[in-house]
Amino acid sequence: MISKKCEHLEAISSVKPSESYECAECVKTGDRWVHLRTCQSCGVTLCCDSSPNKHASKHAKAHGHQVISSAEPNERWLWCYTHEAISRY
């Protein structure tokens, strides 16, 4: 179910669950995170916008990787930064 029309979400054909349960960037600096998100373009797992560093958003802006999934257990959704659209799967 896609809440808004979004070609980025529609282009995702398979979603890989995160293999890492830590923010790769926060680990480097010794920071903490709130929730984790996995980039659906390159697979890196980073912290959410509720976290102090907002690494997932920064990654999307820097690399043009617009779609993330939740890396949290029992959460199954995708988010597009460009269209601010969500898709549950």
N, C-alpha and C. Protein backbone atom coordinates (compact mmCIF):
# COMPACT_ATOMS: atom_id res chain seq x y z
N MET A 1 0.83 -1.18 0.00
CA MET A 1 0.00 0.00 0.00
C MET A 1 0.88 1.24 0.00
N ILE A 2 0.76 2.06 -1.01
CA ILE A 2 1.52 3.30 -1.12
C ILE A 2 0.58 4.45 -0.83
N SER A 3 0.97 5.30 0.13
CA SER A 3 0.09 6.37 0.55
C SER A 3 0.05 7.53 -0.44
N LYS A 4 1.13 7.78 -1.16
CA LYS A 4 1.20 8.81 -2.19
C LYS A 4 1.84 8.17 -3.41
N LYS A 5 1.57 8.72 -4.60
CA LYS A 5 2.21 8.21 -5.80
C LYS A 5 3.70 8.51 -5.73
N CYS A 6 4.50 7.46 -5.88
CA CYS A 6 5.95 7.63 -5.75
C CYS A 6 6.66 6.60 -6.61
N GLU A 7 7.35 7.08 -7.63
CA GLU A 7 8.08 6.17 -8.51
C GLU A 7 9.26 5.51 -7.81
N HIS A 8 9.79 6.14 -6.77
CA HIS A 8 10.90 5.55 -6.02
C HIS A 8 10.44 4.29 -5.27
N LEU A 9 9.30 4.39 -4.61
CA LEU A 9 8.77 3.23 -3.88
C LEU A 9 8.32 2.14 -4.85
N GLU A 10 7.73 2.54 -5.96
CA GLU A 10 7.26 1.57 -6.93
C GLU A 10 8.42 0.82 -7.58
N ALA A 11 9.61 1.40 -7.60
CA ALA A 11 10.77 0.78 -8.23
C ALA A 11 11.44 -0.27 -7.35
N ILE A 12 11.12 -0.30 -6.06
CA ILE A 12 11.72 -1.28 -5.16
C ILE A 12 11.05 -2.63 -5.38
N SER A 13 11.82 -3.62 -5.81
CA SER A 13 11.22 -4.92 -6.11
C SER A 13 11.45 -5.94 -5.01
N SER A 14 12.55 -5.83 -4.29
CA SER A 14 12.75 -6.73 -3.16
C SER A 14 13.43 -5.96 -2.04
N VAL A 15 12.98 -6.21 -0.85
CA VAL A 15 13.50 -5.51 0.32
C VAL A 15 14.31 -6.50 1.14
N LYS A 16 15.57 -6.15 1.34
CA LYS A 16 16.44 -7.01 2.14
C LYS A 16 16.41 -6.55 3.58
N PRO A 17 16.19 -7.45 4.52
CA PRO A 17 16.26 -7.06 5.92
C PRO A 17 17.70 -6.69 6.27
N SER A 18 17.84 -5.80 7.20
CA SER A 18 19.16 -5.38 7.62
C SER A 18 19.91 -6.53 8.28
N GLU A 19 21.19 -6.64 7.97
CA GLU A 19 22.04 -7.62 8.63
C GLU A 19 22.75 -7.01 9.83
N SER A 20 22.69 -5.69 9.93
CA SER A 20 23.39 -4.98 10.99
C SER A 20 22.37 -4.27 11.89
N TYR A 21 22.58 -4.34 13.16
CA TYR A 21 21.66 -3.66 14.09
C TYR A 21 22.40 -2.56 14.83
N GLU A 22 23.13 -1.76 14.04
CA GLU A 22 23.81 -0.59 14.58
C GLU A 22 23.96 0.43 13.47
N CYS A 23 24.05 1.70 13.84
CA CYS A 23 24.27 2.76 12.87
C CYS A 23 25.76 2.78 12.55
N ALA A 24 26.10 2.53 11.30
CA ALA A 24 27.50 2.47 10.89
C ALA A 24 28.25 3.75 11.22
N GLU A 25 27.62 4.91 11.06
CA GLU A 25 28.27 6.20 11.32
C GLU A 25 28.37 6.50 12.81
N CYS A 26 27.32 6.20 13.57
CA CYS A 26 27.36 6.43 15.02
C CYS A 26 28.43 5.57 15.69
N VAL A 27 28.61 4.35 15.19
CA VAL A 27 29.63 3.47 15.75
C VAL A 27 31.01 4.10 15.60
N LYS A 28 31.26 4.74 14.45
CA LYS A 28 32.56 5.38 14.20
C LYS A 28 32.86 6.49 15.20
N THR A 29 31.81 7.22 15.62
CA THR A 29 32.01 8.38 16.49
C THR A 29 31.66 8.10 17.95
N GLY A 30 31.16 6.90 18.23
CA GLY A 30 30.78 6.55 19.59
C GLY A 30 29.46 7.17 20.03
N ASP A 31 28.62 7.57 19.06
CA ASP A 31 27.33 8.17 19.38
C ASP A 31 26.25 7.10 19.53
N ARG A 32 25.07 7.54 19.98
CA ARG A 32 23.92 6.64 20.17
C ARG A 32 22.86 6.96 19.13
N TRP A 33 21.97 6.01 18.93
CA TRP A 33 20.86 6.19 18.00
C TRP A 33 19.57 5.76 18.66
N VAL A 34 18.44 6.16 18.05
CA VAL A 34 17.12 5.81 18.56
C VAL A 34 16.57 4.60 17.80
N HIS A 35 16.44 4.72 16.49
CA HIS A 35 15.96 3.64 15.63
C HIS A 35 16.87 3.54 14.41
N LEU A 36 16.79 2.41 13.74
CA LEU A 36 17.66 2.17 12.59
C LEU A 36 16.87 2.05 11.30
N ARG A 37 17.49 2.52 10.21
CA ARG A 37 16.90 2.47 8.87
C ARG A 37 17.93 1.90 7.91
N THR A 38 17.47 1.15 6.92
CA THR A 38 18.37 0.56 5.93
C THR A 38 18.10 1.17 4.56
N CYS A 39 19.16 1.67 3.93
CA CYS A 39 19.07 2.24 2.59
C CYS A 39 18.75 1.12 1.61
N GLN A 40 17.76 1.32 0.77
CA GLN A 40 17.36 0.30 -0.19
C GLN A 40 18.15 0.37 -1.49
N SER A 41 19.06 1.33 -1.60
CA SER A 41 19.94 1.39 -2.76
C SER A 41 21.26 0.68 -2.51
N CYS A 42 21.85 0.90 -1.33
CA CYS A 42 23.19 0.34 -1.07
C CYS A 42 23.25 -0.59 0.14
N GLY A 43 22.20 -0.63 0.96
CA GLY A 43 22.14 -1.56 2.08
C GLY A 43 22.75 -1.09 3.38
N VAL A 44 23.30 0.12 3.43
CA VAL A 44 23.88 0.61 4.67
C VAL A 44 22.77 0.86 5.70
N THR A 45 23.05 0.57 6.96
CA THR A 45 22.10 0.80 8.04
C THR A 45 22.56 2.00 8.85
N LEU A 46 21.65 2.96 9.02
CA LEU A 46 21.97 4.22 9.68
C LEU A 46 20.83 4.63 10.61
N CYS A 47 21.08 5.66 11.40
CA CYS A 47 20.10 6.10 12.39
C CYS A 47 19.00 6.99 11.79
N CYS A 48 17.85 6.99 12.44
CA CYS A 48 16.66 7.71 11.97
C CYS A 48 16.70 9.19 12.33
N ASP A 49 15.67 9.90 11.91
CA ASP A 49 15.58 11.34 12.19
C ASP A 49 15.27 11.66 13.64
N SER A 50 14.87 10.70 14.44
CA SER A 50 14.68 10.92 15.87
C SER A 50 16.02 10.83 16.62
N SER A 51 17.02 10.33 15.94
CA SER A 51 18.36 10.23 16.52
C SER A 51 19.09 11.57 16.36
N PRO A 52 20.01 11.88 17.26
CA PRO A 52 20.70 13.17 17.20
C PRO A 52 21.40 13.45 15.86
N ASN A 53 21.99 12.44 15.23
CA ASN A 53 22.78 12.68 14.02
C ASN A 53 22.03 12.55 12.71
N LYS A 54 20.88 11.90 12.71
CA LYS A 54 20.04 11.76 11.52
C LYS A 54 20.83 11.26 10.31
N HIS A 55 21.63 10.24 10.52
CA HIS A 55 22.51 9.76 9.46
C HIS A 55 21.78 9.23 8.23
N ALA A 56 20.63 8.60 8.39
CA ALA A 56 19.91 8.07 7.23
C ALA A 56 19.47 9.20 6.30
N SER A 57 18.95 10.29 6.85
CA SER A 57 18.55 11.44 6.03
C SER A 57 19.74 12.08 5.34
N LYS A 58 20.83 12.21 6.07
CA LYS A 58 22.05 12.80 5.49
C LYS A 58 22.57 11.94 4.35
N HIS A 59 22.50 10.63 4.52
CA HIS A 59 22.93 9.70 3.47
C HIS A 59 22.05 9.86 2.23
N ALA A 60 20.75 9.96 2.42
CA ALA A 60 19.82 10.11 1.28
C ALA A 60 20.14 11.38 0.50
N LYS A 61 20.38 12.48 1.20
CA LYS A 61 20.69 13.75 0.53
C LYS A 61 22.03 13.70 -0.18
N ALA A 62 23.02 13.12 0.46
CA ALA A 62 24.38 13.09 -0.10
C ALA A 62 24.52 12.16 -1.30
N HIS A 63 23.80 11.05 -1.29
CA HIS A 63 23.98 10.02 -2.31
C HIS A 63 22.80 9.86 -3.26
N GLY A 64 21.70 10.54 -3.00
CA GLY A 64 20.53 10.40 -3.86
C GLY A 64 19.79 9.09 -3.68
N HIS A 65 20.06 8.41 -2.58
CA HIS A 65 19.37 7.15 -2.27
C HIS A 65 18.11 7.49 -1.49
N GLN A 66 16.99 7.51 -2.17
CA GLN A 66 15.76 8.08 -1.62
C GLN A 66 14.91 7.16 -0.76
N VAL A 67 15.09 5.85 -0.86
CA VAL A 67 14.20 4.93 -0.16
C VAL A 67 14.94 4.18 0.95
N ILE A 68 14.32 4.17 2.13
CA ILE A 68 14.84 3.42 3.27
C ILE A 68 13.76 2.46 3.75
N SER A 69 14.19 1.46 4.50
CA SER A 69 13.25 0.59 5.20
C SER A 69 13.60 0.65 6.67
N SER A 70 12.66 0.27 7.50
CA SER A 70 12.96 0.15 8.91
C SER A 70 13.85 -1.06 9.11
N ALA A 71 14.85 -0.92 9.97
CA ALA A 71 15.71 -2.06 10.34
C ALA A 71 15.30 -2.60 11.70
N GLU A 72 14.18 -2.10 12.21
CA GLU A 72 13.69 -2.53 13.51
C GLU A 72 12.91 -3.84 13.38
N PRO A 73 13.07 -4.74 14.35
CA PRO A 73 12.32 -6.00 14.31
C PRO A 73 10.81 -5.75 14.24
N ASN A 74 10.13 -6.52 13.43
CA ASN A 74 8.67 -6.49 13.29
C ASN A 74 8.12 -5.21 12.66
N GLU A 75 8.97 -4.37 12.09
CA GLU A 75 8.51 -3.21 11.33
C GLU A 75 8.78 -3.49 9.87
N ARG A 76 7.75 -3.37 9.03
CA ARG A 76 7.89 -3.66 7.61
C ARG A 76 7.30 -2.52 6.80
N TRP A 77 8.13 -1.52 6.54
CA TRP A 77 7.70 -0.40 5.73
C TRP A 77 8.88 0.22 5.00
N LEU A 78 8.56 0.95 3.94
CA LEU A 78 9.53 1.71 3.15
C LEU A 78 9.14 3.18 3.23
N TRP A 79 10.13 4.06 3.15
CA TRP A 79 9.89 5.50 3.17
C TRP A 79 10.69 6.15 2.06
N CYS A 80 10.06 7.06 1.32
CA CYS A 80 10.73 7.84 0.29
C CYS A 80 10.92 9.25 0.81
N TYR A 81 12.16 9.69 0.89
CA TYR A 81 12.46 11.04 1.36
C TYR A 81 11.95 12.10 0.38
N THR A 82 12.07 11.85 -0.91
CA THR A 82 11.68 12.84 -1.91
C THR A 82 10.20 13.18 -1.82
N HIS A 83 9.35 12.16 -1.79
CA HIS A 83 7.91 12.36 -1.83
C HIS A 83 7.24 12.28 -0.46
N GLU A 84 8.06 12.01 0.57
CA GLU A 84 7.51 11.82 1.92
C GLU A 84 6.34 10.84 1.89
N ALA A 85 6.60 9.72 1.24
CA ALA A 85 5.58 8.68 1.05
C ALA A 85 6.04 7.40 1.73
N ILE A 86 5.05 6.65 2.23
CA ILE A 86 5.33 5.40 2.92
C ILE A 86 4.63 4.25 2.19
N SER A 87 5.24 3.09 2.26
CA SER A 87 4.65 1.88 1.72
C SER A 87 4.86 0.78 2.74
N ARG A 88 3.81 0.09 3.08
CA ARG A 88 3.92 -1.03 4.02
C ARG A 88 3.92 -2.32 3.23
N TYR A 89 4.73 -3.26 3.66
CA TYR A 89 4.82 -4.54 2.93
C TYR A 89 4.76 -5.69 3.90
